[in-house]
PDB file of all heavy atoms in Angstrom:
ATOM      1  N   GLU A   1      -4.715 -11.155  13.443  1.00  0.00           N
ATOM      2  CA  GLU A   1      -5.698 -12.105  12.947  1.00  0.00           C
ATOM      3  C   GLU A   1      -5.097 -13.248  12.140  1.00  0.00           C
ATOM      4  O   GLU A   1      -5.704 -14.304  12.021  1.00  0.00           O
ATOM      5  CB  GLU A   1      -6.759 -11.381  12.113  1.00  0.00           C
ATOM      6  CG  GLU A   1      -7.571 -10.403  12.958  1.00  0.00           C
ATOM      7  CD  GLU A   1      -8.666  -9.709  12.170  1.00  0.00           C
ATOM      8  OE1 GLU A   1      -9.108 -10.255  11.138  1.00  0.00           O
ATOM      9  OE2 GLU A   1      -9.076  -8.618  12.597  1.00  0.00           O
ATOM     10  N   TYR A   2      -3.920 -13.039  11.575  1.00  0.00           N
ATOM     11  CA  TYR A   2      -3.325 -14.052  10.720  1.00  0.00           C
ATOM     12  C   TYR A   2      -1.988 -14.576  11.229  1.00  0.00           C
ATOM     13  O   TYR A   2      -1.384 -15.433  10.611  1.00  0.00           O
ATOM     14  CB  TYR A   2      -3.181 -13.523   9.286  1.00  0.00           C
ATOM     15  CG  TYR A   2      -4.523 -13.265   8.657  1.00  0.00           C
ATOM     16  CD1 TYR A   2      -5.102 -11.998   8.702  1.00  0.00           C
ATOM     17  CD2 TYR A   2      -5.235 -14.296   8.059  1.00  0.00           C
ATOM     18  CE1 TYR A   2      -6.353 -11.759   8.145  1.00  0.00           C
ATOM     19  CE2 TYR A   2      -6.483 -14.072   7.502  1.00  0.00           C
ATOM     20  CZ  TYR A   2      -7.031 -12.807   7.549  1.00  0.00           C
ATOM     21  OH  TYR A   2      -8.266 -12.581   7.000  1.00  0.00           O
ATOM     22  N   GLY A   3      -1.513 -14.042  12.342  1.00  0.00           N
ATOM     23  CA  GLY A   3      -0.311 -14.559  12.966  1.00  0.00           C
ATOM     24  C   GLY A   3       0.989 -14.258  12.250  1.00  0.00           C
ATOM     25  O   GLY A   3       1.995 -14.922  12.490  1.00  0.00           O
ATOM     26  N   VAL A   4       0.992 -13.259  11.393  1.00  0.00           N
ATOM     27  CA  VAL A   4       2.239 -12.884  10.721  1.00  0.00           C
ATOM     28  C   VAL A   4       3.154 -12.229  11.747  1.00  0.00           C
ATOM     29  O   VAL A   4       2.719 -11.392  12.541  1.00  0.00           O
ATOM     30  CB  VAL A   4       1.960 -11.928   9.545  1.00  0.00           C
ATOM     31  CG1 VAL A   4       3.252 -11.439   8.917  1.00  0.00           C
ATOM     32  CG2 VAL A   4       1.079 -12.606   8.502  1.00  0.00           C
ATOM     33  N   SER A   5       4.404 -12.610  11.741  1.00  0.00           N
ATOM     34  CA  SER A   5       5.362 -12.040  12.684  1.00  0.00           C
ATOM     35  C   SER A   5       5.592 -10.563  12.372  1.00  0.00           C
ATOM     36  O   SER A   5       5.865 -10.200  11.224  1.00  0.00           O
ATOM     37  CB  SER A   5       6.690 -12.791  12.591  1.00  0.00           C
ATOM     38  OG  SER A   5       7.675 -12.133  13.351  1.00  0.00           O
ATOM     39  N   PRO A   6       5.515  -9.702  13.379  1.00  0.00           N
ATOM     40  CA  PRO A   6       5.718  -8.276  13.134  1.00  0.00           C
ATOM     41  C   PRO A   6       7.111  -7.930  12.621  1.00  0.00           C
ATOM     42  O   PRO A   6       7.291  -6.893  11.976  1.00  0.00           O
ATOM     43  CB  PRO A   6       5.454  -7.619  14.482  1.00  0.00           C
ATOM     44  CG  PRO A   6       5.338  -8.696  15.472  1.00  0.00           C
ATOM     45  CD  PRO A   6       5.162  -9.989  14.754  1.00  0.00           C
ATOM     46  N   VAL A   7       8.090  -8.773  12.873  1.00  0.00           N
ATOM     47  CA  VAL A   7       9.432  -8.475  12.367  1.00  0.00           C
ATOM     48  C   VAL A   7       9.521  -8.661  10.856  1.00  0.00           C
ATOM     49  O   VAL A   7      10.498  -8.255  10.239  1.00  0.00           O
ATOM     50  CB  VAL A   7      10.516  -9.322  13.077  1.00  0.00           C
ATOM     51  CG1 VAL A   7      10.529  -9.043  14.570  1.00  0.00           C
ATOM     52  CG2 VAL A   7      10.326 -10.790  12.810  1.00  0.00           C
ATOM     53  N   ARG A   8       8.474  -9.256  10.262  1.00  0.00           N
ATOM     54  CA  ARG A   8       8.477  -9.476   8.814  1.00  0.00           C
ATOM     55  C   ARG A   8       7.678  -8.420   8.063  1.00  0.00           C
ATOM     56  O   ARG A   8       7.484  -8.534   6.859  1.00  0.00           O
ATOM     57  CB  ARG A   8       7.927 -10.865   8.517  1.00  0.00           C
ATOM     58  CG  ARG A   8       8.805 -11.926   9.194  1.00  0.00           C
ATOM     59  CD  ARG A   8       8.567 -13.269   8.727  1.00  0.00           C
ATOM     60  NE  ARG A   8       8.927 -13.393   7.323  1.00  0.00           N
ATOM     61  CZ  ARG A   8       8.746 -14.492   6.625  1.00  0.00           C
ATOM     62  NH1 ARG A   8       8.222 -15.541   7.193  1.00  0.00           N
ATOM     63  NH2 ARG A   8       9.072 -14.551   5.361  1.00  0.00           N
ATOM     64  N   LEU A   9       7.206  -7.386   8.758  1.00  0.00           N
ATOM     65  CA  LEU A   9       6.365  -6.380   8.137  1.00  0.00           C
ATOM     66  C   LEU A   9       7.005  -5.001   8.196  1.00  0.00           C
ATOM     67  O   LEU A   9       7.684  -4.663   9.157  1.00  0.00           O
ATOM     68  CB  LEU A   9       5.007  -6.306   8.848  1.00  0.00           C
ATOM     69  CG  LEU A   9       4.143  -7.558   8.807  1.00  0.00           C
ATOM     70  CD1 LEU A   9       2.924  -7.380   9.682  1.00  0.00           C
ATOM     71  CD2 LEU A   9       3.735  -7.864   7.374  1.00  0.00           C
ATOM     72  N   ILE A  10       6.737  -4.227   7.170  1.00  0.00           N
ATOM     73  CA  ILE A  10       7.103  -2.814   7.149  1.00  0.00           C
ATOM     74  C   ILE A  10       5.863  -2.065   6.680  1.00  0.00           C
ATOM     75  O   ILE A  10       5.346  -2.333   5.603  1.00  0.00           O
ATOM     76  CB  ILE A  10       8.272  -2.530   6.184  1.00  0.00           C
ATOM     77  CG1 ILE A  10       9.517  -3.295   6.618  1.00  0.00           C
ATOM     78  CG2 ILE A  10       8.531  -1.029   6.087  1.00  0.00           C
ATOM     79  CD1 ILE A  10      10.644  -3.231   5.605  1.00  0.00           C
ATOM     80  N   ALA A  11       5.371  -1.158   7.487  1.00  0.00           N
ATOM     81  CA  ALA A  11       4.219  -0.350   7.110  1.00  0.00           C
ATOM     82  C   ALA A  11       4.713   1.043   6.732  1.00  0.00           C
ATOM     83  O   ALA A  11       5.492   1.650   7.463  1.00  0.00           O
ATOM     84  CB  ALA A  11       3.231  -0.266   8.272  1.00  0.00           C
ATOM     85  N   SER A  12       4.270   1.519   5.585  1.00  0.00           N
ATOM     86  CA  SER A  12       4.675   2.860   5.178  1.00  0.00           C
ATOM     87  C   SER A  12       3.543   3.525   4.427  1.00  0.00           C
ATOM     88  O   SER A  12       2.652   2.863   3.900  1.00  0.00           O
ATOM     89  CB  SER A  12       5.940   2.811   4.309  1.00  0.00           C
ATOM     90  OG  SER A  12       5.678   2.135   3.101  1.00  0.00           O
ATOM     91  N   GLY A  13       3.572   4.833   4.387  1.00  0.00           N
ATOM     92  CA  GLY A  13       2.559   5.606   3.684  1.00  0.00           C
ATOM     93  C   GLY A  13       3.212   6.526   2.679  1.00  0.00           C
ATOM     94  O   GLY A  13       4.327   6.984   2.875  1.00  0.00           O
ATOM     95  N   ARG A  14       2.488   6.790   1.597  1.00  0.00           N
ATOM     96  CA  ARG A  14       3.028   7.646   0.541  1.00  0.00           C
ATOM     97  C   ARG A  14       2.237   8.928   0.341  1.00  0.00           C
ATOM     98  O   ARG A  14       2.551   9.707  -0.548  1.00  0.00           O
ATOM     99  CB  ARG A  14       3.075   6.871  -0.769  1.00  0.00           C
ATOM    100  CG  ARG A  14       4.080   5.764  -0.736  1.00  0.00           C
ATOM    101  CD  ARG A  14       4.155   5.141  -2.078  1.00  0.00           C
ATOM    102  NE  ARG A  14       5.306   4.266  -2.168  1.00  0.00           N
ATOM    103  CZ  ARG A  14       5.543   3.495  -3.204  1.00  0.00           C
ATOM    104  NH1 ARG A  14       4.713   3.480  -4.223  1.00  0.00           N
ATOM    105  NH2 ARG A  14       6.604   2.730  -3.230  1.00  0.00           N
ATOM    106  N   SER A  15       1.178   9.101   1.121  1.00  0.00           N
ATOM    107  CA  SER A  15       0.352  10.304   1.006  1.00  0.00           C
ATOM    108  C   SER A  15      -0.172  10.433  -0.415  1.00  0.00           C
ATOM    109  O   SER A  15      -0.643   9.474  -0.990  1.00  0.00           O
ATOM    110  CB  SER A  15       1.157  11.520   1.430  1.00  0.00           C
ATOM    111  OG  SER A  15       0.372  12.679   1.409  1.00  0.00           O
ATOM    112  N   TYR A  16      -0.088  11.599  -0.986  1.00  0.00           N
ATOM    113  CA  TYR A  16      -0.565  11.819  -2.348  1.00  0.00           C
ATOM    114  C   TYR A  16       0.582  11.842  -3.352  1.00  0.00           C
ATOM    115  O   TYR A  16       0.415  12.252  -4.497  1.00  0.00           O
ATOM    116  CB  TYR A  16      -1.374  13.129  -2.440  1.00  0.00           C
ATOM    117  CG  TYR A  16      -0.662  14.335  -1.876  1.00  0.00           C
ATOM    118  CD1 TYR A  16       0.335  14.971  -2.585  1.00  0.00           C
ATOM    119  CD2 TYR A  16      -1.000  14.814  -0.627  1.00  0.00           C
ATOM    120  CE1 TYR A  16       0.994  16.062  -2.058  1.00  0.00           C
ATOM    121  CE2 TYR A  16      -0.362  15.914  -0.094  1.00  0.00           C
ATOM    122  CZ  TYR A  16       0.639  16.541  -0.820  1.00  0.00           C
ATOM    123  OH  TYR A  16       1.290  17.626  -0.289  1.00  0.00           O
ATOM    124  N   TYR A  17       1.763  11.362  -2.963  1.00  0.00           N
ATOM    125  CA  TYR A  17       2.943  11.474  -3.810  1.00  0.00           C
ATOM    126  C   TYR A  17       3.052  10.415  -4.898  1.00  0.00           C
ATOM    127  O   TYR A  17       3.800  10.607  -5.841  1.00  0.00           O
ATOM    128  CB  TYR A  17       4.213  11.481  -2.947  1.00  0.00           C
ATOM    129  CG  TYR A  17       4.268  12.687  -2.058  1.00  0.00           C
ATOM    130  CD1 TYR A  17       4.059  12.577  -0.694  1.00  0.00           C
ATOM    131  CD2 TYR A  17       4.479  13.943  -2.600  1.00  0.00           C
ATOM    132  CE1 TYR A  17       4.087  13.696   0.118  1.00  0.00           C
ATOM    133  CE2 TYR A  17       4.509  15.071  -1.795  1.00  0.00           C
ATOM    134  CZ  TYR A  17       4.314  14.929  -0.439  1.00  0.00           C
ATOM    135  OH  TYR A  17       4.329  16.040   0.350  1.00  0.00           O
ATOM    136  N   VAL A  18       2.320   9.305  -4.784  1.00  0.00           N
ATOM    137  CA  VAL A  18       2.382   8.261  -5.809  1.00  0.00           C
ATOM    138  C   VAL A  18       0.956   7.844  -6.175  1.00  0.00           C
ATOM    139  O   VAL A  18       0.515   6.740  -5.888  1.00  0.00           O
ATOM    140  CB  VAL A  18       3.207   7.041  -5.313  1.00  0.00           C
ATOM    141  CG1 VAL A  18       3.396   6.037  -6.436  1.00  0.00           C
ATOM    142  CG2 VAL A  18       4.565   7.488  -4.789  1.00  0.00           C
ATOM    143  N   PRO A  19       0.207   8.735  -6.820  1.00  0.00           N
ATOM    144  CA  PRO A  19      -1.170   8.397  -7.159  1.00  0.00           C
ATOM    145  C   PRO A  19      -1.235   7.404  -8.321  1.00  0.00           C
ATOM    146  O   PRO A  19      -0.328   7.359  -9.156  1.00  0.00           O
ATOM    147  CB  PRO A  19      -1.759   9.742  -7.568  1.00  0.00           C
ATOM    148  CG  PRO A  19      -0.602  10.520  -8.095  1.00  0.00           C
ATOM    149  CD  PRO A  19       0.580  10.076  -7.256  1.00  0.00           C
ATOM    150  N   VAL A  20      -2.305   6.626  -8.367  1.00  0.00           N
ATOM    151  CA  VAL A  20      -2.546   5.729  -9.509  1.00  0.00           C
ATOM    152  C   VAL A  20      -3.623   6.321 -10.419  1.00  0.00           C
ATOM    153  O   VAL A  20      -3.847   5.821 -11.509  1.00  0.00           O
ATOM    154  CB  VAL A  20      -2.946   4.311  -9.067  1.00  0.00           C
ATOM    155  CG1 VAL A  20      -1.795   3.630  -8.347  1.00  0.00           C
ATOM    156  CG2 VAL A  20      -4.200   4.317  -8.216  1.00  0.00           C
ATOM    157  N   ALA A  21      -4.280   7.361  -9.951  1.00  0.00           N
ATOM    158  CA  ALA A  21      -5.319   8.031 -10.721  1.00  0.00           C
ATOM    159  C   ALA A  21      -5.300   9.516 -10.369  1.00  0.00           C
ATOM    160  O   ALA A  21      -4.664   9.931  -9.402  1.00  0.00           O
ATOM    161  CB  ALA A  21      -6.683   7.424 -10.399  1.00  0.00           C
ATOM    162  N   SER A  22      -6.019  10.289 -11.147  1.00  0.00           N
ATOM    163  CA  SER A  22      -6.107  11.723 -10.896  1.00  0.00           C
ATOM    164  C   SER A  22      -6.886  11.995  -9.607  1.00  0.00           C
ATOM    165  O   SER A  22      -7.880  11.324  -9.314  1.00  0.00           O
ATOM    166  CB  SER A  22      -6.820  12.408 -12.063  1.00  0.00           C
ATOM    167  OG  SER A  22      -7.120  13.750 -11.734  1.00  0.00           O
ATOM    168  N   ASN A  23      -6.444  12.957  -8.857  1.00  0.00           N
ATOM    169  CA  ASN A  23      -7.161  13.361  -7.652  1.00  0.00           C
ATOM    170  C   ASN A  23      -8.216  14.426  -7.950  1.00  0.00           C
ATOM    171  O   ASN A  23      -8.808  14.988  -7.033  1.00  0.00           O
ATOM    172  CB  ASN A  23      -6.175  13.865  -6.598  1.00  0.00           C
ATOM    173  CG  ASN A  23      -5.497  12.731  -5.875  1.00  0.00           C
ATOM    174  OD1 ASN A  23      -6.147  11.800  -5.437  1.00  0.00           O
ATOM    175  ND2 ASN A  23      -4.186  12.807  -5.774  1.00  0.00           N
ATOM    176  N   GLU A  24      -8.467  14.680  -9.218  1.00  0.00           N
ATOM    177  CA  GLU A  24      -9.425  15.700  -9.621  1.00  0.00           C
ATOM    178  C   GLU A  24     -10.873  15.221  -9.549  1.00  0.00           C
ATOM    179  O   GLU A  24     -11.792  16.034  -9.593  1.00  0.00           O
ATOM    180  CB  GLU A  24      -9.112  16.185 -11.046  1.00  0.00           C
ATOM    181  CG  GLU A  24      -7.733  16.807 -11.183  1.00  0.00           C
ATOM    182  CD  GLU A  24      -7.553  18.040 -10.310  1.00  0.00           C
ATOM    183  OE1 GLU A  24      -8.476  18.873 -10.261  1.00  0.00           O
ATOM    184  OE2 GLU A  24      -6.483  18.157  -9.676  1.00  0.00           O
ATOM    185  N   THR A  25     -11.085  13.898  -9.474  1.00  0.00           N
ATOM    186  CA  THR A  25     -12.449  13.362  -9.441  1.00  0.00           C
ATOM    187  C   THR A  25     -12.632  12.484  -8.203  1.00  0.00           C
ATOM    188  O   THR A  25     -11.657  11.940  -7.673  1.00  0.00           O
ATOM    189  CB  THR A  25     -12.737  12.497 -10.688  1.00  0.00           C
ATOM    190  OG1 THR A  25     -11.898  11.337 -10.649  1.00  0.00           O
ATOM    191  CG2 THR A  25     -12.481  13.270 -11.971  1.00  0.00           C
ATOM    192  N   PRO A  26     -13.862  12.323  -7.746  1.00  0.00           N
ATOM    193  CA  PRO A  26     -14.108  11.420  -6.611  1.00  0.00           C
ATOM    194  C   PRO A  26     -13.674   9.983  -6.910  1.00  0.00           C
ATOM    195  O   PRO A  26     -13.140   9.303  -6.040  1.00  0.00           O
ATOM    196  CB  PRO A  26     -15.618  11.502  -6.393  1.00  0.00           C
ATOM    197  CG  PRO A  26     -16.030  12.803  -6.985  1.00  0.00           C
ATOM    198  CD  PRO A  26     -15.086  13.039  -8.137  1.00  0.00           C
ATOM    199  N   GLU A  27     -13.866   9.540  -8.157  1.00  0.00           N
ATOM    200  CA  GLU A  27     -13.468   8.181  -8.532  1.00  0.00           C
ATOM    201  C   GLU A  27     -11.951   8.015  -8.453  1.00  0.00           C
ATOM    202  O   GLU A  27     -11.449   6.997  -7.976  1.00  0.00           O
ATOM    203  CB  GLU A  27     -13.961   7.846  -9.949  1.00  0.00           C
ATOM    204  CG  GLU A  27     -15.462   7.779 -10.081  1.00  0.00           C
ATOM    205  CD  GLU A  27     -16.122   9.161 -10.245  1.00  0.00           C
ATOM    206  OE1 GLU A  27     -15.416  10.176 -10.466  1.00  0.00           O
ATOM    207  OE2 GLU A  27     -17.358   9.206 -10.124  1.00  0.00           O
ATOM    208  N   GLY A  28     -11.231   9.012  -8.930  1.00  0.00           N
ATOM    209  CA  GLY A  28      -9.771   8.955  -8.870  1.00  0.00           C
ATOM    210  C   GLY A  28      -9.269   8.972  -7.442  1.00  0.00           C
ATOM    211  O   GLY A  28      -8.358   8.220  -7.081  1.00  0.00           O
ATOM    212  N   ARG A  29      -9.856   9.814  -6.611  1.00  0.00           N
ATOM    213  CA  ARG A  29      -9.454   9.857  -5.203  1.00  0.00           C
ATOM    214  C   ARG A  29      -9.744   8.528  -4.519  1.00  0.00           C
ATOM    215  O   ARG A  29      -8.950   8.059  -3.705  1.00  0.00           O
ATOM    216  CB  ARG A  29     -10.143  11.023  -4.488  1.00  0.00           C
ATOM    217  CG  ARG A  29      -9.571  12.381  -4.895  1.00  0.00           C
ATOM    218  CD  ARG A  29     -10.089  13.506  -4.034  1.00  0.00           C
ATOM    219  NE  ARG A  29     -11.516  13.734  -4.169  1.00  0.00           N
ATOM    220  CZ  ARG A  29     -12.090  14.471  -5.104  1.00  0.00           C
ATOM    221  NH1 ARG A  29     -11.348  15.078  -6.011  1.00  0.00           N
ATOM    222  NH2 ARG A  29     -13.405  14.630  -5.124  1.00  0.00           N
ATOM    223  N   ALA A  30     -10.869   7.889  -4.873  1.00  0.00           N
ATOM    224  CA  ALA A  30     -11.198   6.580  -4.294  1.00  0.00           C
ATOM    225  C   ALA A  30     -10.148   5.544  -4.697  1.00  0.00           C
ATOM    226  O   ALA A  30      -9.736   4.716  -3.881  1.00  0.00           O
ATOM    227  CB  ALA A  30     -12.585   6.133  -4.738  1.00  0.00           C
ATOM    228  N   GLN A  31      -9.702   5.591  -5.945  1.00  0.00           N
ATOM    229  CA  GLN A  31      -8.655   4.657  -6.385  1.00  0.00           C
ATOM    230  C   GLN A  31      -7.349   4.894  -5.647  1.00  0.00           C
ATOM    231  O   GLN A  31      -6.594   3.956  -5.382  1.00  0.00           O
ATOM    232  CB  GLN A  31      -8.414   4.791  -7.888  1.00  0.00           C
ATOM    233  CG  GLN A  31      -9.484   4.177  -8.728  1.00  0.00           C
ATOM    234  CD  GLN A  31      -9.154   4.307 -10.199  1.00  0.00           C
ATOM    235  OE1 GLN A  31      -8.773   5.382 -10.675  1.00  0.00           O
ATOM    236  NE2 GLN A  31      -9.290   3.216 -10.919  1.00  0.00           N
ATOM    237  N   ASN A  32      -7.075   6.126  -5.310  1.00  0.00           N
ATOM    238  CA  ASN A  32      -5.828   6.445  -4.621  1.00  0.00           C
ATOM    239  C   ASN A  32      -5.853   6.082  -3.140  1.00  0.00           C
ATOM    240  O   ASN A  32      -4.802   6.028  -2.508  1.00  0.00           O
ATOM    241  CB  ASN A  32      -5.482   7.927  -4.811  1.00  0.00           C
ATOM    242  CG  ASN A  32      -5.040   8.204  -6.219  1.00  0.00           C
ATOM    243  OD1 ASN A  32      -4.453   7.347  -6.870  1.00  0.00           O
ATOM    244  ND2 ASN A  32      -5.335   9.386  -6.706  1.00  0.00           N
ATOM    245  N   ARG A  33      -7.039   5.844  -2.582  1.00  0.00           N
ATOM    246  CA  ARG A  33      -7.128   5.375  -1.196  1.00  0.00           C
ATOM    247  C   ARG A  33      -7.003   3.857  -1.227  1.00  0.00           C
ATOM    248  O   ARG A  33      -7.977   3.126  -1.143  1.00  0.00           O
ATOM    249  CB  ARG A  33      -8.460   5.799  -0.578  1.00  0.00           C
ATOM    250  CG  ARG A  33      -8.531   7.258  -0.249  1.00  0.00           C
ATOM    251  CD  ARG A  33      -9.769   7.614   0.547  1.00  0.00           C
ATOM    252  NE  ARG A  33     -11.009   7.354  -0.168  1.00  0.00           N
ATOM    253  CZ  ARG A  33     -11.622   8.215  -0.968  1.00  0.00           C
ATOM    254  NH1 ARG A  33     -11.108   9.407  -1.169  1.00  0.00           N
ATOM    255  NH2 ARG A  33     -12.748   7.888  -1.561  1.00  0.00           N
ATOM    256  N   ARG A  34      -5.804   3.379  -1.343  1.00  0.00           N
ATOM    257  CA  ARG A  34      -5.559   1.955  -1.507  1.00  0.00           C
ATOM    258  C   ARG A  34      -4.471   1.516  -0.548  1.00  0.00           C
ATOM    259  O   ARG A  34      -3.724   2.334  -0.017  1.00  0.00           O
ATOM    260  CB  ARG A  34      -5.118   1.654  -2.937  1.00  0.00           C
ATOM    261  CG  ARG A  34      -3.726   2.220  -3.223  1.00  0.00           C
ATOM    262  CD  ARG A  34      -3.382   2.239  -4.685  1.00  0.00           C
ATOM    263  NE  ARG A  34      -2.016   2.649  -4.926  1.00  0.00           N
ATOM    264  CZ  ARG A  34      -1.585   3.894  -4.907  1.00  0.00           C
ATOM    265  NH1 ARG A  34      -2.396   4.888  -4.628  1.00  0.00           N
ATOM    266  NH2 ARG A  34      -0.322   4.168  -5.146  1.00  0.00           N
ATOM    267  N   THR A  35      -4.411   0.231  -0.351  1.00  0.00           N
ATOM    268  CA  THR A  35      -3.314  -0.368   0.392  1.00  0.00           C
ATOM    269  C   THR A  35      -2.663  -1.383  -0.527  1.00  0.00           C
ATOM    270  O   THR A  35      -3.342  -2.216  -1.118  1.00  0.00           O
ATOM    271  CB  THR A  35      -3.830  -1.069   1.663  1.00  0.00           C
ATOM    272  OG1 THR A  35      -4.501  -0.099   2.471  1.00  0.00           O
ATOM    273  CG2 THR A  35      -2.696  -1.686   2.441  1.00  0.00           C
ATOM    274  N   GLU A  36      -1.376  -1.293  -0.689  1.00  0.00           N
ATOM    275  CA  GLU A  36      -0.636  -2.254  -1.499  1.00  0.00           C
ATOM    276  C   GLU A  36       0.161  -3.145  -0.569  1.00  0.00           C
ATOM    277  O   GLU A  36       0.801  -2.656   0.361  1.00  0.00           O
ATOM    278  CB  GLU A  36       0.306  -1.532  -2.461  1.00  0.00           C
ATOM    279  CG  GLU A  36      -0.409  -0.701  -3.493  1.00  0.00           C
ATOM    280  CD  GLU A  36       0.549   0.031  -4.420  1.00  0.00           C
ATOM    281  OE1 GLU A  36       1.788  -0.135  -4.292  1.00  0.00           O
ATOM    282  OE2 GLU A  36       0.053   0.771  -5.278  1.00  0.00           O
ATOM    283  N   ILE A  37       0.113  -4.430  -0.822  1.00  0.00           N
ATOM    284  CA  ILE A  37       0.901  -5.389  -0.055  1.00  0.00           C
ATOM    285  C   ILE A  37       1.924  -5.978  -1.011  1.00  0.00           C
ATOM    286  O   ILE A  37       1.565  -6.560  -2.033  1.00  0.00           O
ATOM    287  CB  ILE A  37       0.009  -6.480   0.556  1.00  0.00           C
ATOM    288  CG1 ILE A  37      -0.996  -5.842   1.519  1.00  0.00           C
ATOM    289  CG2 ILE A  37       0.864  -7.538   1.253  1.00  0.00           C
ATOM    290  CD1 ILE A  37      -2.016  -6.797   2.073  1.00  0.00           C
ATOM    291  N   ILE A  38       3.180  -5.788  -0.675  1.00  0.00           N
ATOM    292  CA  ILE A  38       4.276  -6.269  -1.513  1.00  0.00           C
ATOM    293  C   ILE A  38       4.944  -7.425  -0.792  1.00  0.00           C
ATOM    294  O   ILE A  38       5.417  -7.274   0.336  1.00  0.00           O
ATOM    295  CB  ILE A  38       5.288  -5.137  -1.788  1.00  0.00           C
ATOM    296  CG1 ILE A  38       4.569  -3.965  -2.473  1.00  0.00           C
ATOM    297  CG2 ILE A  38       6.454  -5.652  -2.618  1.00  0.00           C
ATOM    298  CD1 ILE A  38       5.368  -2.694  -2.529  1.00  0.00           C
ATOM    299  N   LEU A  39       4.954  -8.580  -1.432  1.00  0.00           N
ATOM    300  CA  LEU A  39       5.567  -9.769  -0.844  1.00  0.00           C
ATOM    301  C   LEU A  39       6.976  -9.926  -1.392  1.00  0.00           C
ATOM    302  O   LEU A  39       7.188  -9.897  -2.603  1.00  0.00           O
ATOM    303  CB  LEU A  39       4.735 -11.011  -1.176  1.00  0.00           C
ATOM    304  CG  LEU A  39       3.270 -10.963  -0.771  1.00  0.00           C
ATOM    305  CD1 LEU A  39       2.558 -12.212  -1.260  1.00  0.00           C
ATOM    306  CD2 LEU A  39       3.132 -10.817   0.726  1.00  0.00           C
ATOM    307  N   GLU A  40       7.914 -10.095  -0.501  1.00  0.00           N
ATOM    308  CA  GLU A  40       9.293 -10.324  -0.892  1.00  0.00           C
ATOM    309  C   GLU A  40       9.775 -11.599  -0.227  1.00  0.00           C
ATOM    310  O   GLU A  40       9.767 -11.699   0.998  1.00  0.00           O
ATOM    311  CB  GLU A  40      10.180  -9.157  -0.472  1.00  0.00           C
ATOM    312  CG  GLU A  40       9.857  -7.873  -1.185  1.00  0.00           C
ATOM    313  CD  GLU A  40      10.810  -6.747  -0.814  1.00  0.00           C
ATOM    314  OE1 GLU A  40      11.854  -7.021  -0.186  1.00  0.00           O
ATOM    315  OE2 GLU A  40      10.500  -5.605  -1.139  1.00  0.00           O
ATOM    316  N   PRO A  41      10.191 -12.561  -1.015  1.00  0.00           N
ATOM    317  CA  PRO A  41      10.650 -13.807  -0.393  1.00  0.00           C
ATOM    318  C   PRO A  41      12.012 -13.622   0.271  1.00  0.00           C
ATOM    319  O   PRO A  41      12.772 -12.718  -0.075  1.00  0.00           O
ATOM    320  CB  PRO A  41      10.767 -14.762  -1.585  1.00  0.00           C
ATOM    321  CG  PRO A  41      11.031 -13.867  -2.750  1.00  0.00           C
ATOM    322  CD  PRO A  41      10.284 -12.594  -2.462  1.00  0.00           C
ATOM    323  N   LYS A  42      12.277 -14.483   1.234  1.00  0.00           N
ATOM    324  CA  LYS A  42      13.630 -14.570   1.781  1.00  0.00           C
ATOM    325  C   LYS A  42      14.388 -15.473   0.815  1.00  0.00           C
ATOM    326  O   LYS A  42      14.124 -16.673   0.723  1.00  0.00           O
ATOM    327  CB  LYS A  42      13.616 -15.169   3.181  1.00  0.00           C
ATOM    328  CG  LYS A  42      13.075 -14.242   4.225  1.00  0.00           C
ATOM    329  CD  LYS A  42      13.272 -14.840   5.590  1.00  0.00           C
ATOM    330  CE  LYS A  42      12.952 -13.848   6.671  1.00  0.00           C
ATOM    331  NZ  LYS A  42      13.277 -14.392   7.993  1.00  0.00           N
ATOM    332  N   TYR A  43      15.291 -14.899   0.070  1.00  0.00           N
ATOM    333  CA  TYR A  43      15.914 -15.624  -1.025  1.00  0.00           C
ATOM    334  C   TYR A  43      16.721 -16.838  -0.570  1.00  0.00           C
ATOM    335  O   TYR A  43      16.748 -17.854  -1.247  1.00  0.00           O
ATOM    336  CB  TYR A  43      16.752 -14.681  -1.879  1.00  0.00           C
ATOM    337  CG  TYR A  43      15.884 -13.728  -2.651  1.00  0.00           C
ATOM    338  CD1 TYR A  43      15.775 -12.406  -2.264  1.00  0.00           C
ATOM    339  CD2 TYR A  43      15.134 -14.177  -3.723  1.00  0.00           C
ATOM    340  CE1 TYR A  43      14.950 -11.536  -2.952  1.00  0.00           C
ATOM    341  CE2 TYR A  43      14.305 -13.318  -4.417  1.00  0.00           C
ATOM    342  CZ  TYR A  43      14.216 -12.002  -4.035  1.00  0.00           C
ATOM    343  OH  TYR A  43      13.385 -11.153  -4.707  1.00  0.00           O
ATOM    344  N   ASP A  44      17.351 -16.760   0.603  1.00  0.00           N
ATOM    345  CA  ASP A  44      18.111 -17.910   1.073  1.00  0.00           C
ATOM    346  C   ASP A  44      17.180 -19.089   1.364  1.00  0.00           C
ATOM    347  O   ASP A  44      17.476 -20.236   1.022  1.00  0.00           O
ATOM    348  CB  ASP A  44      18.966 -17.564   2.294  1.00  0.00           C
ATOM    349  CG  ASP A  44      18.150 -17.005   3.459  1.00  0.00           C
ATOM    350  OD1 ASP A  44      17.045 -16.479   3.239  1.00  0.00           O
ATOM    351  OD2 ASP A  44      18.645 -17.097   4.593  1.00  0.00           O
TER     352      ASP A  44
END
């Protein structure tokens, strides 16, 4: 949809190993179902 070149992307999953909230509550589990997009410039 946005024309980003696939060679510039890395998709990875962390499962439940890096939570941002407790998985003991529905609210915490909802917070942990997230997608993070990390932008890294090409320094050159």
